[in-house]
Each structure stands twice: as C-alpha cells, then as structure tokens.
Amino acid sequence: MRRLLGAVQFLTLAPVRGSTAPPGECAAWFPLVGAGVGAAAWGVHAAARAGLAEPLAALFPLAFLLLATGALHEDGLADVCDAIRAHRPREKMLAILKDSRIGAFGAAALVMSLLVRWQAIAALAEPRGLAASAALSRMTMVVLAAASPPAGGGLGAEFVRSLTTSTALAAIALGAAAAAAAVGARAGPLLLAQVVLALTARAWFIRRLGGVNGDCLGAASVVSEMLSLVLLACPSCI
C-alpha cells in the first residue's frame, strides 16, 4: 500500500495521508495510477459531452489531466525542447534543463502537444482510450528510466538509478493489462508503438545527453500519450 500511495503522491496532486515509499520503489504502480487518472478524465469527457458538442467537450478531459498531474510531464517536455539543440554542448543542455524558465521552443512544444491531444480526444471512437493512453505513457516512462543511464543529478537522475529490471517488467505487465481492459485487442499495437518509442527515445537521449533525467522522462511520457491518442483516433492506423 505504501508503494501505491507513493505512486499517487508522485504522479498526481491528490492529497495522500500516511507514509509512502520512495518513487523508485513505487514505479511498478505508475501505469495503474495513470489508468486511474485517465479513467477519471474519461468520466469528465462523458459528462462534458452530455451538454457540449465536440471538439469543445474534449477540452475538459484535457484540462482535468493537466490539473490532476500539475502539468508535471509537460514541464519536462518544455525543458527538453528548449535544451536539446543541434551542435549545443552537453554541459550547456544539462544546464538549461535545470533552468525553470520556458523559452520559445518549449512554449511551442507545449502548444503543439495540447493541440494534438485535444483534437485526438475529440476524434476518439472509444473514449476509454484515455485510460489506455495514460497507463501506457507512465509505463513507457518507467521502461525508459530502467533501460537508460542517469544524466546529471537531481531527483530524476536518482529515480533512474534506483530502478530495477523487475520493476520495469511489473510496470509493463500492469500497463499492458490496463490498456487491454480499456481498448481490448487494440492494446497490442499500442504496446508495440510504445516499445519503439522507448527504444528511440533511449538512443536519442543517450547520444545527446549521455542518459536521461526527470525532464527526459516527462517529455517521453507526453509524447507517449500523444502517440496512443493519435493511433486510437485513427481507426485505420491500428
């Protein structure tokens, strides 16, 4: 229970009482917490659709996801897009990742990620896909962390160092189960897409930064969620 509560505390703004385990020990539960947040967003979407037409109704589950998580992963996406540029020294990129300010590239990435998810949610044939995409995005974050060396210092790097193969496998099992429960057989292609994304992100981050930190994991989580939602919104894709 301490690990599940720790995952809730780490990934959401929900108030958690009692003792919790460190994030590295809680990571196996991340997909389940993601599925819960996504399922709640699905409920918000259903309520919004009762009184509003799409695509306006699709704004409400997206806003809920941002509020429930404190836009934690979006912050990582913005920092990564600001920092990682061609021909920029690794030390400079790591320094920018530590800077809390958002530049033009980070702002543009945030806007684009919100627009893509908004339109994808509006086009979902199965709103339950919100639960699947949220579960798989947290799973991908854990897998990327477990398969990559840490870059720099800070909480994110310590999280990466603390993960084990068994934790990653447990996260994969929970993520796959949650996605299958939400979208059935379509979970298979989604899971394959996440594997490709994790391997690609790992190779890119290692080449540019020498590893991953918390911002890299947050960015990967947002891209993963976008990928799942776009695939689910396109019936001919999977």
Foldseek 3Di string as FASTA:
>chain_A
DQLLLQLLVQQWPDDGDDHHDDPLSNLLCNLVSQLVLLVVLLVQLVVLVVPDAPLVSLVRSVVSSCRGRVCQLLQLQQQQQVQFDPPDALVRSVVSSPDSDGDDRSVVRSVVLSVLSSVLCRLFPASLLSSLLRSLLSLLLLLLLQVWQAFDDDPFNVSSVSHYPVSSVSSLVSSLVSNCVRPNPVSVVLSVVSVVLSVVLRVVCCVRNVTDGSSSSSSSSSVSSSVSSNCSSDVVND
